[in-house]
Amino acid sequence: MIISQTPHRISFFGGGTDYPNYYLEHGGKVLGTAIDKYCYLNVRRLPPFFEHKHRIVYSRQENVRNLDEIQHPSVRETLKHLDIQYGMSIHHDGDIPARSGMGSSSAFTVGLLQSVMALEGRYIGKDELARKAIYVEQQLIRENVGSQDQMFAAHGGLNRINFLPNGEMVLDPVILPPERLARFESSLLLYYTGISRLASEVVAEQIRNTPRNLAALGHMKEMVDEAFRILVEPQRQLDDFGRLLNQTWELKRSLSSCITNGEIDQAYDLGRRHGALGGKLLGAGGGGFLLFFVPPEQQAGFKAAMNRLLCIPIRFDFEGSKVIVYQPNC
């Protein structure tokens, strides 16, 4: 039995420039962090005593005889890609609901690859793990997904990631003194809107709009380096990071008509009126989680005003996907 733990992520800046249709021509850049909300996968060989060969348990349960019958796209394509011939039992449990803009589908794929390869006694490095997950999602499943979610899930950490036109991905960790890191971390408040959506459907329109969004995407990419400088230069005020978040949100919502709606706009405006310097909707858009940057001194009044939404405490994760139980013969 193998149990893996894989973090979800928060993307601060540059989202949309990590899609291959953009960065393979123009280069892309993002700044974000993995957080302490996880995808857990329990994977083991299934003994040959049942009518079915494979059992997959997530929001539903599948009992199937062969890999082609599996409905879960990541499970089906990952097991086929790894050429798994024996029966498998796969159980998923997660801290974050699916379709919520926190990279849950990529965390699942990264964790599944990690788990199955561990079950076979095969070590995989973090770079290779991320690349394999990108291949499964983009080439095998043919999902409309970018390349940052898999990198954050595999590596963990607070990072700037460069996506080069030649396909290379360069991870640049953001190193902060403990006190500054704690202040930054404590200024971030995450709220669940209760709205779920299929990211692939939202992204499809953004991809179609890429030619007319080049100027906005270029500006969003430039903000990554400015946000990086705000964080690492000791003379800069962290509050400027929050104000820059507001600017990137204004740009992001211009990329597609599917990114926001009246309910999300109302919640965001309420937060801005009660102390948030900035924020954004996470993920592709359409629902999920709202992130706000609120100085700790302003948070009491902010939380009182936002009490109709569920606040999720978060901390950064610096380890990435890992195996937490390794008993391959069980």
C-alpha atoms as a PDB file:
ATOM      1  CA  MET A   1       0.000   0.000   0.000  1.00  0.00           C
ATOM      2  CA  ILE A   2       1.188   3.475  -0.913  1.00  0.00           C
ATOM      3  CA  ILE A   3      -0.342   6.696   0.414  1.00  0.00           C
ATOM      4  CA  SER A   4       0.750   9.930  -1.232  1.00  0.00           C
ATOM      5  CA  GLN A   5       0.144  13.537  -0.202  1.00  0.00           C
ATOM      6  CA  THR A   6       0.168  16.199  -2.924  1.00  0.00           C
ATOM      7  CA  PRO A   7      -0.431  19.918  -2.346  1.00  0.00           C
ATOM      8  CA  HIS A   8      -2.866  22.204  -4.125  1.00  0.00           C
ATOM      9  CA  ARG A   9      -1.657  25.607  -5.250  1.00  0.00           C
ATOM     10  CA  ILE A  10      -2.435  29.312  -5.328  1.00  0.00           C
ATOM     11  CA  SER A  11      -1.458  31.224  -8.466  1.00  0.00           C
ATOM     12  CA  PHE A  12      -0.756  34.909  -7.797  1.00  0.00           C
ATOM     13  CA  PHE A  13       0.474  36.281 -11.124  1.00  0.00           C
ATOM     14  CA  GLY A  14       0.946  35.180 -14.718  1.00  0.00           C
ATOM     15  CA  GLY A  15      -1.921  32.720 -14.968  1.00  0.00           C
ATOM     16  CA  GLY A  16      -2.846  32.220 -18.609  1.00  0.00           C
ATOM     17  CA  THR A  17       0.751  32.542 -19.808  1.00  0.00           C
ATOM     18  CA  ASP A  18       1.463  28.929 -18.759  1.00  0.00           C
ATOM     19  CA  TYR A  19      -0.669  27.440 -21.544  1.00  0.00           C
ATOM     20  CA  PRO A  20       1.443  25.857 -24.290  1.00  0.00           C
ATOM     21  CA  ASN A  21      -0.395  27.677 -27.072  1.00  0.00           C
ATOM     22  CA  TYR A  22       0.941  30.922 -25.544  1.00  0.00           C
ATOM     23  CA  TYR A  23       4.341  30.186 -24.006  1.00  0.00           C
ATOM     24  CA  LEU A  24       5.694  28.043 -26.845  1.00  0.00           C
ATOM     25  CA  GLU A  25       5.526  31.201 -28.945  1.00  0.00           C
ATOM     26  CA  HIS A  26       5.875  34.082 -26.482  1.00  0.00           C
ATOM     27  CA  GLY A  27       7.325  32.553 -23.321  1.00  0.00           C
ATOM     28  CA  GLY A  28       5.363  32.469 -20.071  1.00  0.00           C
ATOM     29  CA  LYS A  29       5.926  33.265 -16.428  1.00  0.00           C
ATOM     30  CA  VAL A  30       3.976  32.712 -13.207  1.00  0.00           C
ATOM     31  CA  LEU A  31       4.385  33.376  -9.497  1.00  0.00           C
ATOM     32  CA  GLY A  32       2.518  31.237  -6.986  1.00  0.00           C
ATOM     33  CA  THR A  33       2.759  28.850  -4.075  1.00  0.00           C
ATOM     34  CA  ALA A  34       1.776  25.389  -2.984  1.00  0.00           C
ATOM     35  CA  ILE A  35      -0.391  25.344   0.146  1.00  0.00           C
ATOM     36  CA  ASP A  36      -1.186  22.981   3.004  1.00  0.00           C
ATOM     37  CA  LYS A  37      -4.362  21.622   1.409  1.00  0.00           C
ATOM     38  CA  TYR A  38      -3.781  18.213  -0.068  1.00  0.00           C
ATOM     39  CA  CYS A  39      -4.869  15.446  -2.385  1.00  0.00           C
ATOM     40  CA  TYR A  40      -4.407  12.038  -0.720  1.00  0.00           C
ATOM     41  CA  LEU A  41      -4.247   8.826  -2.725  1.00  0.00           C
ATOM     42  CA  ASN A  42      -4.229   5.297  -1.306  1.00  0.00           C
ATOM     43  CA  VAL A  43      -2.938   2.914  -3.982  1.00  0.00           C
ATOM     44  CA  ARG A  44      -2.362  -0.825  -3.747  1.00  0.00           C
ATOM     45  CA  ARG A  45      -2.449  -3.987  -5.810  1.00  0.00           C
ATOM     46  CA  LEU A  46      -5.942  -5.494  -5.836  1.00  0.00           C
ATOM     47  CA  PRO A  47      -5.975  -9.248  -5.067  1.00  0.00           C
ATOM     48  CA  PRO A  48      -7.562 -11.380  -7.840  1.00  0.00           C
ATOM     49  CA  PHE A  49     -10.582 -12.474  -5.792  1.00  0.00           C
ATOM     50  CA  PHE A  50     -13.213 -10.164  -7.261  1.00  0.00           C
ATOM     51  CA  GLU A  51     -15.296 -10.011 -10.396  1.00  0.00           C
ATOM     52  CA  HIS A  52     -13.634  -6.698 -11.202  1.00  0.00           C
ATOM     53  CA  LYS A  53      -9.905  -6.167 -11.758  1.00  0.00           C
ATOM     54  CA  HIS A  54      -9.682  -2.469 -10.826  1.00  0.00           C
ATOM     55  CA  ARG A  55     -11.460  -0.425  -8.157  1.00  0.00           C
ATOM     56  CA  ILE A  56     -11.319   3.376  -8.247  1.00  0.00           C
ATOM     57  CA  VAL A  57     -12.995   5.389  -5.494  1.00  0.00           C
ATOM     58  CA  TYR A  58     -13.364   9.169  -5.686  1.00  0.00           C
ATOM     59  CA  SER A  59     -16.671  11.098  -5.805  1.00  0.00           C
ATOM     60  CA  ARG A  60     -18.008   7.895  -7.321  1.00  0.00           C
ATOM     61  CA  GLN A  61     -16.860   4.267  -7.312  1.00  0.00           C
ATOM     62  CA  GLU A  62     -15.794   2.344 -10.385  1.00  0.00           C
ATOM     63  CA  ASN A  63     -15.358  -1.445 -10.500  1.00  0.00           C
ATOM     64  CA  VAL A  64     -14.048  -2.440 -13.924  1.00  0.00           C
ATOM     65  CA  ARG A  65     -12.398  -5.373 -15.670  1.00  0.00           C
ATOM     66  CA  ASN A  66      -9.952  -3.518 -17.912  1.00  0.00           C
ATOM     67  CA  LEU A  67      -8.308  -0.108 -18.165  1.00  0.00           C
ATOM     68  CA  ASP A  68     -10.341   1.064 -21.157  1.00  0.00           C
ATOM     69  CA  GLU A  69     -13.532   0.837 -19.078  1.00  0.00           C
ATOM     70  CA  ILE A  70     -12.285   3.352 -16.499  1.00  0.00           C
ATOM     71  CA  GLN A  71     -14.250   6.599 -16.678  1.00  0.00           C
ATOM     72  CA  HIS A  72     -11.846   8.724 -14.619  1.00  0.00           C
ATOM     73  CA  PRO A  73      -9.607  10.144 -17.369  1.00  0.00           C
ATOM     74  CA  SER A  74      -6.481  10.642 -15.261  1.00  0.00           C
ATOM     75  CA  VAL A  75      -6.632   7.141 -13.777  1.00  0.00           C
ATOM     76  CA  ARG A  76      -7.289   5.523 -17.153  1.00  0.00           C
ATOM     77  CA  GLU A  77      -4.542   7.341 -19.045  1.00  0.00           C
ATOM     78  CA  THR A  78      -1.968   7.215 -16.229  1.00  0.00           C
ATOM     79  CA  LEU A  79      -2.300   3.450 -15.768  1.00  0.00           C
ATOM     80  CA  LYS A  80      -2.172   2.892 -19.527  1.00  0.00           C
ATOM     81  CA  HIS A  81       0.854   5.198 -19.841  1.00  0.00           C
ATOM     82  CA  LEU A  82       2.691   3.263 -17.107  1.00  0.00           C
ATOM     83  CA  ASP A  83       1.605  -0.056 -18.682  1.00  0.00           C
ATOM     84  CA  ILE A  84       0.056  -1.421 -15.500  1.00  0.00           C
ATOM     85  CA  GLN A  85      -0.959  -5.046 -16.066  1.00  0.00           C
ATOM     86  CA  TYR A  86      -2.083  -6.051 -12.563  1.00  0.00           C
ATOM     87  CA  GLY A  87      -5.259  -5.108 -10.705  1.00  0.00           C
ATOM     88  CA  MET A  88      -5.296  -1.773  -8.871  1.00  0.00           C
ATOM     89  CA  SER A  89      -7.241  -0.300  -5.980  1.00  0.00           C
ATOM     90  CA  ILE A  90      -7.138   3.521  -5.910  1.00  0.00           C
ATOM     91  CA  HIS A  91      -8.869   5.607  -3.219  1.00  0.00           C
ATOM     92  CA  HIS A  92      -8.903   9.410  -3.339  1.00  0.00           C
ATOM     93  CA  ASP A  93      -9.543  11.823  -0.499  1.00  0.00           C
ATOM     94  CA  GLY A  94      -8.973  15.564  -0.703  1.00  0.00           C
ATOM     95  CA  ASP A  95      -9.005  18.728   1.387  1.00  0.00           C
ATOM     96  CA  ILE A  96     -10.368  20.870  -1.469  1.00  0.00           C
ATOM     97  CA  PRO A  97     -13.457  20.218  -3.617  1.00  0.00           C
ATOM     98  CA  ALA A  98     -12.945  19.508  -7.292  1.00  0.00           C
ATOM     99  CA  ARG A  99     -13.528  22.232  -9.899  1.00  0.00           C
ATOM    100  CA  SER A 100     -12.516  24.993  -7.500  1.00  0.00           C
ATOM    101  CA  GLY A 101      -9.492  26.642  -9.138  1.00  0.00           C
ATOM    102  CA  MET A 102      -6.835  25.203  -6.835  1.00  0.00           C
ATOM    103  CA  GLY A 103      -5.183  22.790  -9.247  1.00  0.00           C
ATOM    104  CA  SER A 104      -7.010  19.743  -7.902  1.00  0.00           C
ATOM    105  CA  SER A 105      -6.977  17.746 -11.144  1.00  0.00           C
ATOM    106  CA  SER A 106      -3.232  18.205 -11.590  1.00  0.00           C
ATOM    107  CA  ALA A 107      -2.572  17.406  -7.926  1.00  0.00           C
ATOM    108  CA  PHE A 108      -4.486  14.161  -8.493  1.00  0.00           C
ATOM    109  CA  THR A 109      -2.433  13.253 -11.570  1.00  0.00           C
ATOM    110  CA  VAL A 110       0.865  14.117  -9.887  1.00  0.00           C
ATOM    111  CA  GLY A 111      -0.089  12.122  -6.788  1.00  0.00           C
ATOM    112  CA  LEU A 112      -1.238   9.145  -8.845  1.00  0.00           C
ATOM    113  CA  LEU A 113       2.001   9.009 -10.822  1.00  0.00           C
ATOM    114  CA  GLN A 114       3.984   9.326  -7.593  1.00  0.00           C
ATOM    115  CA  SER A 115       1.985   6.540  -5.932  1.00  0.00           C
ATOM    116  CA  VAL A 116       1.944   4.002  -8.755  1.00  0.00           C
ATOM    117  CA  MET A 117       5.652   4.389  -9.451  1.00  0.00           C
ATOM    118  CA  ALA A 118       6.397   4.013  -5.738  1.00  0.00           C
ATOM    119  CA  LEU A 119       4.279   0.850  -5.697  1.00  0.00           C
ATOM    120  CA  GLU A 120       6.530  -0.510  -8.435  1.00  0.00           C
ATOM    121  CA  GLY A 121       9.668   0.512  -6.552  1.00  0.00           C
ATOM    122  CA  ARG A 122      10.545   3.200  -9.079  1.00  0.00           C
ATOM    123  CA  TYR A 123      11.929   6.563  -7.937  1.00  0.00           C
ATOM    124  CA  ILE A 124      10.854   9.672  -9.829  1.00  0.00           C
ATOM    125  CA  GLY A 125      12.374  13.117  -9.362  1.00  0.00           C
ATOM    126  CA  LYS A 126      10.222  16.198  -9.008  1.00  0.00           C
ATOM    127  CA  ASP A 127      11.016  17.603 -12.464  1.00  0.00           C
ATOM    128  CA  GLU A 128      10.219  14.309 -14.170  1.00  0.00           C
ATOM    129  CA  LEU A 129       7.082  13.934 -12.055  1.00  0.00           C
ATOM    130  CA  ALA A 130       5.789  17.329 -13.172  1.00  0.00           C
ATOM    131  CA  ARG A 131       6.635  16.652 -16.813  1.00  0.00           C
ATOM    132  CA  LYS A 132       4.920  13.274 -16.812  1.00  0.00           C
ATOM    133  CA  ALA A 133       1.782  14.818 -15.302  1.00  0.00           C
ATOM    134  CA  ILE A 134       1.820  17.572 -17.942  1.00  0.00           C
ATOM    135  CA  TYR A 135       2.161  14.928 -20.660  1.00  0.00           C
ATOM    136  CA  VAL A 136      -0.736  12.869 -19.294  1.00  0.00           C
ATOM    137  CA  GLU A 137      -3.055  15.863 -18.971  1.00  0.00           C
ATOM    138  CA  GLN A 138      -2.150  17.789 -22.114  1.00  0.00           C
ATOM    139  CA  GLN A 139      -1.282  15.003 -24.577  1.00  0.00           C
ATOM    140  CA  LEU A 140      -3.194  11.924 -23.415  1.00  0.00           C
ATOM    141  CA  ILE A 141      -6.342  13.332 -21.797  1.00  0.00           C
ATOM    142  CA  ARG A 142      -6.277  16.411 -24.054  1.00  0.00           C
ATOM    143  CA  GLU A 143      -7.453  18.691 -21.269  1.00  0.00           C
ATOM    144  CA  ASN A 144      -7.284  22.463 -21.622  1.00  0.00           C
ATOM    145  CA  VAL A 145      -4.783  22.844 -18.790  1.00  0.00           C
ATOM    146  CA  GLY A 146      -1.653  24.886 -18.301  1.00  0.00           C
ATOM    147  CA  SER A 147       1.705  23.746 -16.974  1.00  0.00           C
ATOM    148  CA  GLN A 148       2.004  25.525 -13.620  1.00  0.00           C
ATOM    149  CA  ASP A 149      -0.323  23.345 -11.533  1.00  0.00           C
ATOM    150  CA  GLN A 150       1.760  20.223 -12.051  1.00  0.00           C
ATOM    151  CA  MET A 151       4.981  22.093 -11.229  1.00  0.00           C
ATOM    152  CA  PHE A 152       3.635  23.419  -7.927  1.00  0.00           C
ATOM    153  CA  ALA A 153       2.097  20.051  -7.029  1.00  0.00           C
ATOM    154  CA  ALA A 154       5.349  18.193  -7.664  1.00  0.00           C
ATOM    155  CA  HIS A 155       7.833  20.710  -6.220  1.00  0.00           C
ATOM    156  CA  GLY A 156       5.853  22.609  -3.582  1.00  0.00           C
ATOM    157  CA  GLY A 157       7.132  25.977  -2.445  1.00  0.00           C
ATOM    158  CA  LEU A 158       6.749  29.670  -3.220  1.00  0.00           C
ATOM    159  CA  ASN A 159       8.169  30.022  -6.717  1.00  0.00           C
ATOM    160  CA  ARG A 160       8.529  32.022  -9.876  1.00  0.00           C
ATOM    161  CA  ILE A 161       8.375  29.655 -12.856  1.00  0.00           C
ATOM    162  CA  ASN A 162       9.538  30.548 -16.352  1.00  0.00           C
ATOM    163  CA  PHE A 163       8.048  28.680 -19.327  1.00  0.00           C
ATOM    164  CA  LEU A 164      10.410  29.011 -22.275  1.00  0.00           C
ATOM    165  CA  PRO A 165       9.461  28.870 -25.971  1.00  0.00           C
ATOM    166  CA  ASN A 166      11.619  25.744 -26.340  1.00  0.00           C
ATOM    167  CA  GLY A 167       9.400  23.932 -23.820  1.00  0.00           C
ATOM    168  CA  GLU A 168      11.791  24.147 -20.884  1.00  0.00           C
ATOM    169  CA  MET A 169      10.417  25.082 -17.450  1.00  0.00           C
ATOM    170  CA  VAL A 170      12.701  26.858 -14.978  1.00  0.00           C
ATOM    171  CA  LEU A 171      11.690  27.002 -11.317  1.00  0.00           C
ATOM    172  CA  ASP A 172      13.049  29.934  -9.302  1.00  0.00           C
ATOM    173  CA  PRO A 173      12.293  29.688  -5.536  1.00  0.00           C
ATOM    174  CA  VAL A 174      11.355  32.893  -3.715  1.00  0.00           C
ATOM    175  CA  ILE A 175      13.605  33.065  -0.642  1.00  0.00           C
ATOM    176  CA  LEU A 176      12.351  35.350   2.154  1.00  0.00           C
ATOM    177  CA  PRO A 177      13.497  35.996   5.746  1.00  0.00           C
ATOM    178  CA  PRO A 178      11.232  34.146   8.224  1.00  0.00           C
ATOM    179  CA  GLU A 179       9.591  37.315   9.561  1.00  0.00           C
ATOM    180  CA  ARG A 180       8.770  38.639   6.089  1.00  0.00           C
ATOM    181  CA  LEU A 181       7.497  35.251   4.965  1.00  0.00           C
ATOM    182  CA  ALA A 182       5.236  35.035   8.039  1.00  0.00           C
ATOM    183  CA  ARG A 183       3.855  38.537   7.406  1.00  0.00           C
ATOM    184  CA  PHE A 184       3.178  37.710   3.762  1.00  0.00           C
ATOM    185  CA  GLU A 185       1.538  34.396   4.596  1.00  0.00           C
ATOM    186  CA  SER A 186      -0.673  35.939   7.293  1.00  0.00           C
ATOM    187  CA  SER A 187      -1.886  38.669   4.896  1.00  0.00           C
ATOM    188  CA  LEU A 188      -3.543  36.121   2.582  1.00  0.00           C
ATOM    189  CA  LEU A 189      -7.147  35.134   3.222  1.00  0.00           C
ATOM    190  CA  LEU A 190      -8.884  32.466   1.171  1.00  0.00           C
ATOM    191  CA  TYR A 191     -12.667  32.275   0.767  1.00  0.00           C
ATOM    192  CA  TYR A 192     -14.791  29.619  -0.912  1.00  0.00           C
ATOM    193  CA  THR A 193     -17.508  30.965  -3.190  1.00  0.00           C
ATOM    194  CA  GLY A 194     -19.415  27.671  -3.268  1.00  0.00           C
ATOM    195  CA  ILE A 195     -19.503  27.828  -7.073  1.00  0.00           C
ATOM    196  CA  SER A 196     -17.917  24.956  -9.017  1.00  0.00           C
ATOM    197  CA  ARG A 197     -17.116  24.842 -12.717  1.00  0.00           C
ATOM    198  CA  LEU A 198     -15.246  22.787 -15.302  1.00  0.00           C
ATOM    199  CA  ALA A 199     -11.944  24.602 -15.784  1.00  0.00           C
ATOM    200  CA  SER A 200     -11.447  23.062 -19.204  1.00  0.00           C
ATOM    201  CA  GLU A 201     -14.649  24.697 -20.458  1.00  0.00           C
ATOM    202  CA  VAL A 202     -13.675  28.116 -19.084  1.00  0.00           C
ATOM    203  CA  VAL A 203     -10.152  27.854 -20.473  1.00  0.00           C
ATOM    204  CA  ALA A 204     -11.392  26.874 -23.920  1.00  0.00           C
ATOM    205  CA  GLU A 205     -12.726  30.398 -24.501  1.00  0.00           C
ATOM    206  CA  GLN A 206      -9.541  31.968 -23.140  1.00  0.00           C
ATOM    207  CA  ILE A 207      -7.473  29.889 -25.569  1.00  0.00           C
ATOM    208  CA  ARG A 208      -9.679  30.953 -28.472  1.00  0.00           C
ATOM    209  CA  ASN A 209      -9.231  34.588 -27.373  1.00  0.00           C
ATOM    210  CA  THR A 210      -5.425  34.373 -27.094  1.00  0.00           C
ATOM    211  CA  PRO A 211      -4.663  36.307 -30.326  1.00  0.00           C
ATOM    212  CA  ARG A 212      -6.673  39.323 -29.185  1.00  0.00           C
ATOM    213  CA  ASN A 213      -5.425  39.043 -25.571  1.00  0.00           C
ATOM    214  CA  LEU A 214      -1.695  39.189 -26.336  1.00  0.00           C
ATOM    215  CA  ALA A 215      -1.238  42.689 -24.896  1.00  0.00           C
ATOM    216  CA  ALA A 216      -3.048  41.811 -21.651  1.00  0.00           C
ATOM    217  CA  LEU A 217      -1.165  38.516 -21.286  1.00  0.00           C
ATOM    218  CA  GLY A 218       2.120  40.322 -21.859  1.00  0.00           C
ATOM    219  CA  HIS A 219       1.265  42.823 -19.130  1.00  0.00           C
ATOM    220  CA  MET A 220       0.257  40.017 -16.755  1.00  0.00           C
ATOM    221  CA  LYS A 221       3.600  38.337 -17.423  1.00  0.00           C
ATOM    222  CA  GLU A 222       5.471  41.568 -16.604  1.00  0.00           C
ATOM    223  CA  MET A 223       3.652  41.729 -13.273  1.00  0.00           C
ATOM    224  CA  VAL A 224       5.318  38.459 -12.235  1.00  0.00           C
ATOM    225  CA  ASP A 225       8.738  40.106 -12.058  1.00  0.00           C
ATOM    226  CA  GLU A 226       7.343  43.183 -10.298  1.00  0.00           C
ATOM    227  CA  ALA A 227       5.633  40.974  -7.693  1.00  0.00           C
ATOM    228  CA  PHE A 228       8.872  39.027  -7.267  1.00  0.00           C
ATOM    229  CA  ARG A 229      10.772  42.263  -6.594  1.00  0.00           C
ATOM    230  CA  ILE A 230       8.160  43.400  -4.053  1.00  0.00           C
ATOM    231  CA  LEU A 231       8.651  40.173  -2.135  1.00  0.00           C
ATOM    232  CA  VAL A 232      12.434  39.892  -2.167  1.00  0.00           C
ATOM    233  CA  GLU A 233      13.578  43.527  -1.913  1.00  0.00           C
ATOM    234  CA  PRO A 234      13.591  44.389   1.820  1.00  0.00           C
ATOM    235  CA  GLN A 235      12.843  48.082   1.273  1.00  0.00           C
ATOM    236  CA  ARG A 236       9.594  47.291  -0.567  1.00  0.00           C
ATOM    237  CA  GLN A 237       6.273  47.255   1.301  1.00  0.00           C
ATOM    238  CA  LEU A 238       4.384  43.953   1.139  1.00  0.00           C
ATOM    239  CA  ASP A 239       1.128  45.918   0.842  1.00  0.00           C
ATOM    240  CA  ASP A 240       2.200  46.738  -2.714  1.00  0.00           C
ATOM    241  CA  PHE A 241       1.820  43.042  -3.499  1.00  0.00           C
ATOM    242  CA  GLY A 242      -1.862  43.292  -2.611  1.00  0.00           C
ATOM    243  CA  ARG A 243      -2.383  46.353  -4.782  1.00  0.00           C
ATOM    244  CA  LEU A 244      -0.701  44.589  -7.680  1.00  0.00           C
ATOM    245  CA  LEU A 245      -3.049  41.630  -7.204  1.00  0.00           C
ATOM    246  CA  ASN A 246      -5.968  43.965  -7.829  1.00  0.00           C
ATOM    247  CA  GLN A 247      -4.380  45.081 -11.084  1.00  0.00           C
ATOM    248  CA  THR A 248      -3.851  41.527 -12.332  1.00  0.00           C
ATOM    249  CA  TRP A 249      -7.442  40.651 -11.426  1.00  0.00           C
ATOM    250  CA  GLU A 250      -8.721  43.550 -13.532  1.00  0.00           C
ATOM    251  CA  LEU A 251      -6.662  42.269 -16.454  1.00  0.00           C
ATOM    252  CA  LYS A 252      -7.622  38.636 -15.944  1.00  0.00           C
ATOM    253  CA  ARG A 253     -11.339  39.327 -15.985  1.00  0.00           C
ATOM    254  CA  SER A 254     -10.922  40.956 -19.423  1.00  0.00           C
ATOM    255  CA  LEU A 255      -9.618  37.729 -20.994  1.00  0.00           C
ATOM    256  CA  SER A 256     -12.975  35.944 -21.207  1.00  0.00           C
ATOM    257  CA  SER A 257     -16.651  36.453 -20.456  1.00  0.00           C
ATOM    258  CA  CYS A 258     -16.594  33.217 -18.411  1.00  0.00           C
ATOM    259  CA  ILE A 259     -14.071  34.319 -15.784  1.00  0.00           C
ATOM    260  CA  THR A 260     -16.386  36.191 -13.426  1.00  0.00           C
ATOM    261  CA  ASN A 261     -20.074  36.793 -12.742  1.00  0.00           C
ATOM    262  CA  GLY A 262     -22.260  39.054 -10.643  1.00  0.00           C
ATOM    263  CA  GLU A 263     -21.987  36.952  -7.501  1.00  0.00           C
ATOM    264  CA  ILE A 264     -18.190  36.828  -7.635  1.00  0.00           C
ATOM    265  CA  ASP A 265     -17.919  40.540  -8.424  1.00  0.00           C
ATOM    266  CA  GLN A 266     -20.199  41.383  -5.500  1.00  0.00           C
ATOM    267  CA  ALA A 267     -18.070  39.340  -3.058  1.00  0.00           C
ATOM    268  CA  TYR A 268     -14.846  40.830  -4.387  1.00  0.00           C
ATOM    269  CA  ASP A 269     -16.138  44.399  -4.150  1.00  0.00           C
ATOM    270  CA  LEU A 270     -17.345  43.755  -0.593  1.00  0.00           C
ATOM    271  CA  GLY A 271     -13.865  42.586   0.364  1.00  0.00           C
ATOM    272  CA  ARG A 272     -12.237  45.636  -1.212  1.00  0.00           C
ATOM    273  CA  ARG A 273     -14.537  47.969   0.712  1.00  0.00           C
ATOM    274  CA  HIS A 274     -13.570  46.353   4.016  1.00  0.00           C
ATOM    275  CA  GLY A 275      -9.803  46.381   3.966  1.00  0.00           C
ATOM    276  CA  ALA A 276      -8.560  44.149   1.139  1.00  0.00           C
ATOM    277  CA  LEU A 277      -5.844  45.870  -0.873  1.00  0.00           C
ATOM    278  CA  GLY A 278      -6.406  43.419  -3.692  1.00  0.00           C
ATOM    279  CA  GLY A 279      -7.208  39.878  -4.572  1.00  0.00           C
ATOM    280  CA  LYS A 280      -8.333  37.611  -7.372  1.00  0.00           C
ATOM    281  CA  LEU A 281     -10.388  34.593  -8.257  1.00  0.00           C
ATOM    282  CA  LEU A 282      -8.141  31.550  -8.373  1.00  0.00           C
ATOM    283  CA  GLY A 283      -7.816  29.215 -11.306  1.00  0.00           C
ATOM    284  CA  ALA A 284      -9.412  29.543 -14.707  1.00  0.00           C
ATOM    285  CA  GLY A 285     -12.422  31.473 -13.394  1.00  0.00           C
ATOM    286  CA  GLY A 286     -16.159  30.985 -13.133  1.00  0.00           C
ATOM    287  CA  GLY A 287     -16.153  29.914  -9.484  1.00  0.00           C
ATOM    288  CA  GLY A 288     -14.073  28.333  -6.781  1.00  0.00           C
ATOM    289  CA  PHE A 289     -11.965  30.363  -4.350  1.00  0.00           C
ATOM    290  CA  LEU A 290     -11.390  34.077  -3.894  1.00  0.00           C
ATOM    291  CA  LEU A 291      -8.013  35.109  -2.537  1.00  0.00           C
ATOM    292  CA  PHE A 292      -7.634  38.455  -0.742  1.00  0.00           C
ATOM    293  CA  PHE A 293      -4.590  40.343   0.476  1.00  0.00           C
ATOM    294  CA  VAL A 294      -5.568  41.995   3.758  1.00  0.00           C
ATOM    295  CA  PRO A 295      -3.046  43.533   6.178  1.00  0.00           C
ATOM    296  CA  PRO A 296      -3.337  41.692   9.509  1.00  0.00           C
ATOM    297  CA  GLU A 297      -4.389  44.925  11.267  1.00  0.00           C
ATOM    298  CA  GLN A 298      -7.476  45.134   9.010  1.00  0.00           C
ATOM    299  CA  GLN A 299      -8.567  41.521   9.202  1.00  0.00           C
ATOM    300  CA  ALA A 300     -11.022  41.637  12.107  1.00  0.00           C
ATOM    301  CA  GLY A 301     -13.374  44.020  10.304  1.00  0.00           C
ATOM    302  CA  PHE A 302     -12.775  42.281   6.986  1.00  0.00           C
ATOM    303  CA  LYS A 303     -13.735  38.859   8.344  1.00  0.00           C
ATOM    304  CA  ALA A 304     -16.876  40.260   9.954  1.00  0.00           C
ATOM    305  CA  ALA A 305     -17.971  41.747   6.636  1.00  0.00           C
ATOM    306  CA  MET A 306     -17.227  38.525   4.736  1.00  0.00           C
ATOM    307  CA  ASN A 307     -18.872  36.145   7.199  1.00  0.00           C
ATOM    308  CA  ARG A 308     -21.314  34.741   4.629  1.00  0.00           C
ATOM    309  CA  LEU A 309     -18.448  33.015   2.824  1.00  0.00           C
ATOM    310  CA  LEU A 310     -16.340  30.186   4.218  1.00  0.00           C
ATOM    311  CA  CYS A 311     -12.811  31.288   5.174  1.00  0.00           C
ATOM    312  CA  ILE A 312     -10.125  28.613   4.708  1.00  0.00           C
ATOM    313  CA  PRO A 313      -6.927  29.008   6.786  1.00  0.00           C
ATOM    314  CA  ILE A 314      -3.815  28.311   4.710  1.00  0.00           C
ATOM    315  CA  ARG A 315      -0.080  27.972   5.103  1.00  0.00           C
ATOM    316  CA  PHE A 316       2.537  27.409   2.403  1.00  0.00           C
ATOM    317  CA  ASP A 317       3.779  23.918   1.586  1.00  0.00           C
ATOM    318  CA  PHE A 318       7.486  23.596   0.772  1.00  0.00           C
ATOM    319  CA  GLU A 319       7.765  19.837   0.219  1.00  0.00           C
ATOM    320  CA  GLY A 320       5.560  19.077  -2.756  1.00  0.00           C
ATOM    321  CA  SER A 321       4.171  15.660  -3.578  1.00  0.00           C
ATOM    322  CA  LYS A 322       5.508  12.902  -1.345  1.00  0.00           C
ATOM    323  CA  VAL A 323       4.825   9.359  -0.213  1.00  0.00           C
ATOM    324  CA  ILE A 324       3.746   9.346   3.429  1.00  0.00           C
ATOM    325  CA  VAL A 325       3.094   5.581   3.743  1.00  0.00           C
ATOM    326  CA  TYR A 326       5.347   3.119   1.910  1.00  0.00           C
ATOM    327  CA  GLN A 327       4.356  -0.523   2.283  1.00  0.00           C
ATOM    328  CA  PRO A 328       4.629  -1.844  -1.283  1.00  0.00           C
ATOM    329  CA  ASN A 329       4.037  -5.484  -0.323  1.00  0.00           C
ATOM    330  CA  CYS A 330       0.771  -4.864   1.528  1.00  0.00           C
END
